């Protein structure tokens, strides 16, 4: 039963680019979907993301030119800007460490808990750290190279690897959000066409924040679907080993 329900949600979710102007999206639908989004899987539970819900009608209209005038933006009832926050890694690492310590109380940590405290206290700062001289990058690449000589090892180096990691987690959250909105009977359109600098300034975000995608929400219309859904044959993309 659950499999069939999920199948129907996946099939219902389409990128709709024109929303019905007469139908609003209830705020409780948006809030439920954003709360579900927070539960998305992410790298090391660092949660280096933010979800900026644009509800104010005037502000939505200000976002239309920033989204290059797309119909998905100009007819949207709600917008959500998915933002990566690699710059918050110290705060998130401390928060995770505090959760472990709170769970411990007065007792001594077991092996798994000791590893967790070390992971968030030492590994995460090394993994996400940056400096103007590239020392963090050099250390990471050296550790990966030496460790990889003797066993399988995570290959992780500079800023590109960091950006890929936080954007992957944020994209997972975006998919959770879109499936949730579909389950509520509404529609979405993920947009990559936007001015990332102006969007960041409009939201008052720091330089360390990056825009992952902007998702418009509304009740979709038939003209908003540009044609039948088609995919390359499964044999081209599903490879069984």
C-alpha atoms as a PDB file:
ATOM      1  CA  UNK A   1       0.000   0.000   0.000  1.00  0.00           C
ATOM      2  CA  UNK A   2       2.767   2.455   0.917  1.00  0.00           C
ATOM      3  CA  UNK A   3       4.691   1.634  -2.248  1.00  0.00           C
ATOM      4  CA  UNK A   4       1.665   2.418  -4.409  1.00  0.00           C
ATOM      5  CA  UNK A   5       1.077   5.684  -2.555  1.00  0.00           C
ATOM      6  CA  UNK A   6       4.670   6.753  -3.107  1.00  0.00           C
ATOM      7  CA  UNK A   7       4.477   5.749  -6.768  1.00  0.00           C
ATOM      8  CA  UNK A   8       1.481   8.025  -7.240  1.00  0.00           C
ATOM      9  CA  UNK A   9       3.307  10.943  -5.576  1.00  0.00           C
ATOM     10  CA  UNK A  10       6.360  10.474  -7.803  1.00  0.00           C
ATOM     11  CA  UNK A  11       4.195  10.329 -10.919  1.00  0.00           C
ATOM     12  CA  UNK A  12       2.141  13.358  -9.823  1.00  0.00           C
ATOM     13  CA  UNK A  13       5.230  15.491  -9.262  1.00  0.00           C
ATOM     14  CA  UNK A  14       5.942  17.374 -12.450  1.00  0.00           C
ATOM     15  CA  UNK A  15       7.762  20.650 -12.994  1.00  0.00           C
ATOM     16  CA  UNK A  16       4.824  22.981 -13.576  1.00  0.00           C
ATOM     17  CA  UNK A  17       5.724  26.386 -14.991  1.00  0.00           C
ATOM     18  CA  UNK A  18       2.386  28.196 -14.733  1.00  0.00           C
ATOM     19  CA  UNK A  19       0.264  28.260 -11.615  1.00  0.00           C
ATOM     20  CA  UNK A  20      -3.436  28.977 -11.131  1.00  0.00           C
ATOM     21  CA  UNK A  21      -3.775  32.615  -9.970  1.00  0.00           C
ATOM     22  CA  UNK A  22      -7.033  31.892  -8.137  1.00  0.00           C
ATOM     23  CA  UNK A  23      -5.756  29.144  -5.840  1.00  0.00           C
ATOM     24  CA  UNK A  24      -3.591  29.901  -2.820  1.00  0.00           C
ATOM     25  CA  UNK A  25      -1.293  27.414  -1.126  1.00  0.00           C
ATOM     26  CA  UNK A  26      -2.309  27.060   2.547  1.00  0.00           C
ATOM     27  CA  UNK A  27       0.411  28.131   4.947  1.00  0.00           C
ATOM     28  CA  UNK A  28       0.065  24.860   6.844  1.00  0.00           C
ATOM     29  CA  UNK A  29       0.932  22.962   3.648  1.00  0.00           C
ATOM     30  CA  UNK A  30       4.099  24.989   3.277  1.00  0.00           C
ATOM     31  CA  UNK A  31       5.049  24.627   6.934  1.00  0.00           C
ATOM     32  CA  UNK A  32       4.464  20.860   6.971  1.00  0.00           C
ATOM     33  CA  UNK A  33       6.562  20.473   3.852  1.00  0.00           C
ATOM     34  CA  UNK A  34       9.398  22.604   5.209  1.00  0.00           C
ATOM     35  CA  UNK A  35       9.354  20.671   8.486  1.00  0.00           C
ATOM     36  CA  UNK A  36       9.612  17.442   6.496  1.00  0.00           C
ATOM     37  CA  UNK A  37      12.444  18.991   4.509  1.00  0.00           C
ATOM     38  CA  UNK A  38      14.455  19.469   7.697  1.00  0.00           C
ATOM     39  CA  UNK A  39      14.372  15.670   8.134  1.00  0.00           C
ATOM     40  CA  UNK A  40      16.220  15.104   4.841  1.00  0.00           C
ATOM     41  CA  UNK A  41      19.439  13.089   4.809  1.00  0.00           C
ATOM     42  CA  UNK A  42      22.591  15.190   4.792  1.00  0.00           C
ATOM     43  CA  UNK A  43      26.323  14.748   5.134  1.00  0.00           C
ATOM     44  CA  UNK A  44      27.397  13.986   8.732  1.00  0.00           C
ATOM     45  CA  UNK A  45      24.190  15.602  10.063  1.00  0.00           C
ATOM     46  CA  UNK A  46      25.903  18.966   9.653  1.00  0.00           C
ATOM     47  CA  UNK A  47      22.720  20.504   8.173  1.00  0.00           C
ATOM     48  CA  UNK A  48      24.634  23.210   6.336  1.00  0.00           C
ATOM     49  CA  UNK A  49      21.518  24.589   4.703  1.00  0.00           C
ATOM     50  CA  UNK A  50      18.783  27.179   5.070  1.00  0.00           C
ATOM     51  CA  UNK A  51      15.325  27.256   3.494  1.00  0.00           C
ATOM     52  CA  UNK A  52      14.121  30.809   2.889  1.00  0.00           C
ATOM     53  CA  UNK A  53      10.341  30.784   2.455  1.00  0.00           C
ATOM     54  CA  UNK A  54       9.273  33.808   0.394  1.00  0.00           C
ATOM     55  CA  UNK A  55       5.621  34.349   1.322  1.00  0.00           C
ATOM     56  CA  UNK A  56       5.176  38.110   1.073  1.00  0.00           C
ATOM     57  CA  UNK A  57       3.481  38.903  -2.255  1.00  0.00           C
ATOM     58  CA  UNK A  58       5.472  42.066  -2.822  1.00  0.00           C
ATOM     59  CA  UNK A  59       8.740  40.252  -2.199  1.00  0.00           C
ATOM     60  CA  UNK A  60       7.728  37.440  -4.566  1.00  0.00           C
ATOM     61  CA  UNK A  61       7.240  40.027  -7.312  1.00  0.00           C
ATOM     62  CA  UNK A  62      10.675  41.457  -6.533  1.00  0.00           C
ATOM     63  CA  UNK A  63      12.097  37.978  -7.082  1.00  0.00           C
ATOM     64  CA  UNK A  64      10.551  37.627 -10.553  1.00  0.00           C
ATOM     65  CA  UNK A  65      13.251  39.644 -12.388  1.00  0.00           C
ATOM     66  CA  UNK A  66      15.909  37.934 -10.255  1.00  0.00           C
ATOM     67  CA  UNK A  67      14.556  34.650 -11.650  1.00  0.00           C
ATOM     68  CA  UNK A  68      14.893  36.096 -15.155  1.00  0.00           C
ATOM     69  CA  UNK A  69      11.150  36.617 -15.563  1.00  0.00           C
ATOM     70  CA  UNK A  70      10.279  32.921 -15.690  1.00  0.00           C
ATOM     71  CA  UNK A  71       6.568  32.068 -15.630  1.00  0.00           C
ATOM     72  CA  UNK A  72       7.278  29.678 -12.771  1.00  0.00           C
ATOM     73  CA  UNK A  73       8.307  32.704 -10.715  1.00  0.00           C
ATOM     74  CA  UNK A  74       5.832  35.307 -11.971  1.00  0.00           C
ATOM     75  CA  UNK A  75       2.812  33.037 -11.299  1.00  0.00           C
ATOM     76  CA  UNK A  76       4.144  31.462  -8.094  1.00  0.00           C
ATOM     77  CA  UNK A  77       2.094  31.675  -4.916  1.00  0.00           C
ATOM     78  CA  UNK A  78       5.123  30.839  -2.780  1.00  0.00           C
ATOM     79  CA  UNK A  79       8.874  30.607  -3.327  1.00  0.00           C
ATOM     80  CA  UNK A  80      11.517  28.752  -1.356  1.00  0.00           C
ATOM     81  CA  UNK A  81      15.183  29.585  -1.796  1.00  0.00           C
ATOM     82  CA  UNK A  82      17.450  26.659  -0.902  1.00  0.00           C
ATOM     83  CA  UNK A  83      20.736  27.958   0.448  1.00  0.00           C
ATOM     84  CA  UNK A  84      23.983  26.200   1.374  1.00  0.00           C
ATOM     85  CA  UNK A  85      25.836  27.426   4.467  1.00  0.00           C
ATOM     86  CA  UNK A  86      29.304  25.897   4.509  1.00  0.00           C
ATOM     87  CA  UNK A  87      30.336  28.949   6.512  1.00  0.00           C
ATOM     88  CA  UNK A  88      28.323  27.671   9.506  1.00  0.00           C
ATOM     89  CA  UNK A  89      30.375  24.493   9.868  1.00  0.00           C
ATOM     90  CA  UNK A  90      31.930  25.480  13.231  1.00  0.00           C
ATOM     91  CA  UNK A  91      28.533  26.210  14.750  1.00  0.00           C
ATOM     92  CA  UNK A  92      26.992  23.022  13.402  1.00  0.00           C
ATOM     93  CA  UNK A  93      29.944  20.892  14.535  1.00  0.00           C
ATOM     94  CA  UNK A  94      29.651  22.346  18.053  1.00  0.00           C
ATOM     95  CA  UNK A  95      25.914  21.739  18.033  1.00  0.00           C
ATOM     96  CA  UNK A  96      26.355  18.063  17.106  1.00  0.00           C
ATOM     97  CA  UNK A  97      29.009  17.655  19.789  1.00  0.00           C
ATOM     98  CA  UNK A  98      26.680  19.247  22.342  1.00  0.00           C
ATOM     99  CA  UNK A  99      23.908  16.812  21.401  1.00  0.00           C
ATOM    100  CA  UNK A 100      26.192  13.885  22.192  1.00  0.00           C
ATOM    101  CA  UNK A 101      27.303  15.438  25.485  1.00  0.00           C
ATOM    102  CA  UNK A 102      23.707  16.166  26.485  1.00  0.00           C
ATOM    103  CA  UNK A 103      22.757  12.573  25.721  1.00  0.00           C
ATOM    104  CA  UNK A 104      25.673  11.340  27.834  1.00  0.00           C
ATOM    105  CA  UNK A 105      24.724  13.189  30.987  1.00  0.00           C
ATOM    106  CA  UNK A 106      27.090  12.187  33.798  1.00  0.00           C
ATOM    107  CA  UNK A 107      28.179   8.818  32.417  1.00  0.00           C
ATOM    108  CA  UNK A 108      31.337   8.037  30.467  1.00  0.00           C
ATOM    109  CA  UNK A 109      31.002   7.840  26.669  1.00  0.00           C
ATOM    110  CA  UNK A 110      31.100   4.466  24.958  1.00  0.00           C
ATOM    111  CA  UNK A 111      33.281   3.807  21.915  1.00  0.00           C
ATOM    112  CA  UNK A 112      30.732   5.093  19.402  1.00  0.00           C
ATOM    113  CA  UNK A 113      30.142   8.250  21.427  1.00  0.00           C
ATOM    114  CA  UNK A 114      33.884   8.861  21.822  1.00  0.00           C
ATOM    115  CA  UNK A 115      34.252   8.559  18.062  1.00  0.00           C
ATOM    116  CA  UNK A 116      31.391  11.011  17.610  1.00  0.00           C
ATOM    117  CA  UNK A 117      32.967  13.571  19.931  1.00  0.00           C
ATOM    118  CA  UNK A 118      36.267  13.252  18.087  1.00  0.00           C
ATOM    119  CA  UNK A 119      34.511  13.413  14.728  1.00  0.00           C
ATOM    120  CA  UNK A 120      32.765  16.709  15.429  1.00  0.00           C
ATOM    121  CA  UNK A 121      35.595  18.115  17.515  1.00  0.00           C
ATOM    122  CA  UNK A 122      38.470  17.397  15.118  1.00  0.00           C
ATOM    123  CA  UNK A 123      37.431  15.834  11.799  1.00  0.00           C
ATOM    124  CA  UNK A 124      34.685  18.276  10.824  1.00  0.00           C
ATOM    125  CA  UNK A 125      36.829  21.394  11.429  1.00  0.00           C
ATOM    126  CA  UNK A 126      39.534  19.864   9.250  1.00  0.00           C
ATOM    127  CA  UNK A 127      37.073  18.777   6.567  1.00  0.00           C
ATOM    128  CA  UNK A 128      35.355  22.148   6.214  1.00  0.00           C
ATOM    129  CA  UNK A 129      38.145  24.513   7.219  1.00  0.00           C
ATOM    130  CA  UNK A 130      39.657  27.073   4.825  1.00  0.00           C
ATOM    131  CA  UNK A 131      42.510  29.516   5.108  1.00  0.00           C
ATOM    132  CA  UNK A 132      44.109  32.033   2.773  1.00  0.00           C
ATOM    133  CA  UNK A 133      47.341  30.037   2.527  1.00  0.00           C
ATOM    134  CA  UNK A 134      45.648  26.733   1.609  1.00  0.00           C
ATOM    135  CA  UNK A 135      47.064  24.887   4.633  1.00  0.00           C
ATOM    136  CA  UNK A 136      43.786  23.067   5.318  1.00  0.00           C
ATOM    137  CA  UNK A 137      43.634  21.910   1.702  1.00  0.00           C
ATOM    138  CA  UNK A 138      47.232  20.699   1.800  1.00  0.00           C
ATOM    139  CA  UNK A 139      46.613  18.731   5.003  1.00  0.00           C
ATOM    140  CA  UNK A 140      43.431  17.152   3.607  1.00  0.00           C
ATOM    141  CA  UNK A 141      45.093  16.138   0.352  1.00  0.00           C
ATOM    142  CA  UNK A 142      48.111  14.749   2.173  1.00  0.00           C
ATOM    143  CA  UNK A 143      45.949  12.697   4.547  1.00  0.00           C
ATOM    144  CA  UNK A 144      43.862  11.371   1.651  1.00  0.00           C
ATOM    145  CA  UNK A 145      46.907  10.522  -0.449  1.00  0.00           C
ATOM    146  CA  UNK A 146      48.791   8.738   2.319  1.00  0.00           C
ATOM    147  CA  UNK A 147      45.715   6.989   3.675  1.00  0.00           C
ATOM    148  CA  UNK A 148      44.671   5.944   0.172  1.00  0.00           C
ATOM    149  CA  UNK A 149      47.970   4.153  -0.404  1.00  0.00           C
ATOM    150  CA  UNK A 150      47.006   1.383   1.993  1.00  0.00           C
ATOM    151  CA  UNK A 151      43.185   1.166   1.898  1.00  0.00           C
ATOM    152  CA  UNK A 152      40.083   2.686   0.286  1.00  0.00           C
ATOM    153  CA  UNK A 153      39.918   6.283   1.427  1.00  0.00           C
ATOM    154  CA  UNK A 154      37.656   9.293   0.907  1.00  0.00           C
ATOM    155  CA  UNK A 155      39.345  11.548  -1.656  1.00  0.00           C
ATOM    156  CA  UNK A 156      38.744  15.079  -0.439  1.00  0.00           C
ATOM    157  CA  UNK A 157      40.758  18.189  -1.088  1.00  0.00           C
ATOM    158  CA  UNK A 158      39.859  21.802  -1.732  1.00  0.00           C
ATOM    159  CA  UNK A 159      36.943  24.185  -1.992  1.00  0.00           C
ATOM    160  CA  UNK A 160      35.332  22.390  -4.913  1.00  0.00           C
ATOM    161  CA  UNK A 161      34.895  19.228  -2.828  1.00  0.00           C
ATOM    162  CA  UNK A 162      33.399  21.258   0.011  1.00  0.00           C
ATOM    163  CA  UNK A 163      30.949  22.998  -2.310  1.00  0.00           C
ATOM    164  CA  UNK A 164      29.900  19.736  -3.935  1.00  0.00           C
ATOM    165  CA  UNK A 165      29.264  18.161  -0.543  1.00  0.00           C
ATOM    166  CA  UNK A 166      27.009  20.909   0.819  1.00  0.00           C
ATOM    167  CA  UNK A 167      25.140  21.292  -2.476  1.00  0.00           C
ATOM    168  CA  UNK A 168      24.440  17.548  -2.618  1.00  0.00           C
ATOM    169  CA  UNK A 169      22.880  17.663   0.832  1.00  0.00           C
ATOM    170  CA  UNK A 170      20.849  20.754  -0.046  1.00  0.00           C
ATOM    171  CA  UNK A 171      19.573  19.131  -3.257  1.00  0.00           C
ATOM    172  CA  UNK A 172      18.403  16.117  -1.245  1.00  0.00           C
ATOM    173  CA  UNK A 173      16.402  18.519   0.919  1.00  0.00           C
ATOM    174  CA  UNK A 174      14.911  20.181  -2.158  1.00  0.00           C
ATOM    175  CA  UNK A 175      13.686  16.829  -3.439  1.00  0.00           C
ATOM    176  CA  UNK A 176      12.060  16.051  -0.081  1.00  0.00           C
ATOM    177  CA  UNK A 177      10.281  19.409  -0.259  1.00  0.00           C
ATOM    178  CA  UNK A 178       8.989  18.866  -3.790  1.00  0.00           C
ATOM    179  CA  UNK A 179       7.707  15.377  -3.006  1.00  0.00           C
ATOM    180  CA  UNK A 180       5.985  16.696   0.116  1.00  0.00           C
ATOM    181  CA  UNK A 181       4.279  19.469  -1.846  1.00  0.00           C
ATOM    182  CA  UNK A 182       3.156  16.854  -4.385  1.00  0.00           C
ATOM    183  CA  UNK A 183       1.759  14.707  -1.576  1.00  0.00           C
ATOM    184  CA  UNK A 184      -0.275  17.749  -0.487  1.00  0.00           C
ATOM    185  CA  UNK A 185      -1.807  18.042  -3.972  1.00  0.00           C
ATOM    186  CA  UNK A 186       0.139  21.097  -5.146  1.00  0.00           C
ATOM    187  CA  UNK A 187       2.904  21.620  -7.668  1.00  0.00           C
ATOM    188  CA  UNK A 188       6.471  22.912  -7.834  1.00  0.00           C
ATOM    189  CA  UNK A 189       9.095  23.984 -10.314  1.00  0.00           C
ATOM    190  CA  UNK A 190      12.790  23.927  -9.384  1.00  0.00           C
ATOM    191  CA  UNK A 191      14.586  26.856 -11.000  1.00  0.00           C
ATOM    192  CA  UNK A 192      18.271  27.157 -11.769  1.00  0.00           C
ATOM    193  CA  UNK A 193      17.859  30.282 -13.869  1.00  0.00           C
ATOM    194  CA  UNK A 194      18.433  33.153 -11.443  1.00  0.00           C
ATOM    195  CA  UNK A 195      20.939  35.873 -10.599  1.00  0.00           C
ATOM    196  CA  UNK A 196      22.709  34.291  -7.644  1.00  0.00           C
ATOM    197  CA  UNK A 197      24.452  37.491  -6.555  1.00  0.00           C
ATOM    198  CA  UNK A 198      21.271  39.578  -6.499  1.00  0.00           C
ATOM    199  CA  UNK A 199      19.287  36.821  -4.790  1.00  0.00           C
ATOM    200  CA  UNK A 200      21.919  36.614  -2.077  1.00  0.00           C
ATOM    201  CA  UNK A 201      21.838  40.387  -1.582  1.00  0.00           C
ATOM    202  CA  UNK A 202      18.032  40.439  -1.537  1.00  0.00           C
ATOM    203  CA  UNK A 203      18.030  37.887   1.292  1.00  0.00           C
ATOM    204  CA  UNK A 204      20.871  39.607   3.135  1.00  0.00           C
ATOM    205  CA  UNK A 205      23.035  36.507   3.030  1.00  0.00           C
ATOM    206  CA  UNK A 206      26.774  36.546   3.783  1.00  0.00           C
ATOM    207  CA  UNK A 207      29.406  35.776   1.157  1.00  0.00           C
ATOM    208  CA  UNK A 208      29.800  32.233   2.500  1.00  0.00           C
ATOM    209  CA  UNK A 209      26.210  31.376   1.560  1.00  0.00           C
ATOM    210  CA  UNK A 210      25.379  30.012  -1.895  1.00  0.00           C
ATOM    211  CA  UNK A 211      22.056  29.574  -3.664  1.00  0.00           C
ATOM    212  CA  UNK A 212      21.370  25.941  -4.499  1.00  0.00           C
ATOM    213  CA  UNK A 213      18.045  26.417  -6.275  1.00  0.00           C
ATOM    214  CA  UNK A 214      14.778  28.329  -6.046  1.00  0.00           C
ATOM    215  CA  UNK A 215      11.540  26.355  -5.997  1.00  0.00           C
ATOM    216  CA  UNK A 216       8.220  27.927  -6.940  1.00  0.00           C
ATOM    217  CA  UNK A 217       4.988  26.549  -5.503  1.00  0.00           C
ATOM    218  CA  UNK A 218       1.359  26.768  -6.547  1.00  0.00           C
ATOM    219  CA  UNK A 219      -1.552  24.877  -8.036  1.00  0.00           C
ATOM    220  CA  UNK A 220      -0.344  23.840 -11.436  1.00  0.00           C
ATOM    221  CA  UNK A 221      -2.233  24.325 -14.664  1.00  0.00           C
ATOM    222  CA  UNK A 222      -2.359  22.311 -17.873  1.00  0.00           C
ATOM    223  CA  UNK A 223      -0.404  24.966 -19.846  1.00  0.00           C
ATOM    224  CA  UNK A 224       2.249  24.758 -17.113  1.00  0.00           C
ATOM    225  CA  UNK A 225       3.155  21.248 -18.262  1.00  0.00           C
ATOM    226  CA  UNK A 226       5.148  21.587 -21.467  1.00  0.00           C
ATOM    227  CA  UNK A 227       4.455  18.106 -22.743  1.00  0.00           C
ATOM    228  CA  UNK A 228       4.395  14.436 -21.825  1.00  0.00           C
ATOM    229  CA  UNK A 229       7.087  13.173 -19.506  1.00  0.00           C
ATOM    230  CA  UNK A 230       9.689  11.093 -21.288  1.00  0.00           C
ATOM    231  CA  UNK A 231      12.974   9.613 -20.162  1.00  0.00           C
ATOM    232  CA  UNK A 232      15.777   7.749 -21.888  1.00  0.00           C
ATOM    233  CA  UNK A 233      15.364   4.003 -21.733  1.00  0.00           C
ATOM    234  CA  UNK A 234      15.987   2.477 -18.307  1.00  0.00           C
ATOM    235  CA  UNK A 235      18.681   0.268 -19.780  1.00  0.00           C
ATOM    236  CA  UNK A 236      20.817   3.356 -20.407  1.00  0.00           C
ATOM    237  CA  UNK A 237      20.782   4.582 -16.821  1.00  0.00           C
ATOM    238  CA  UNK A 238      20.039   1.563 -14.604  1.00  0.00           C
ATOM    239  CA  UNK A 239      23.156  -0.597 -14.631  1.00  0.00           C
ATOM    240  CA  UNK A 240      23.132  -3.795 -12.601  1.00  0.00           C
ATOM    241  CA  UNK A 241      26.547  -5.179 -11.597  1.00  0.00           C
END
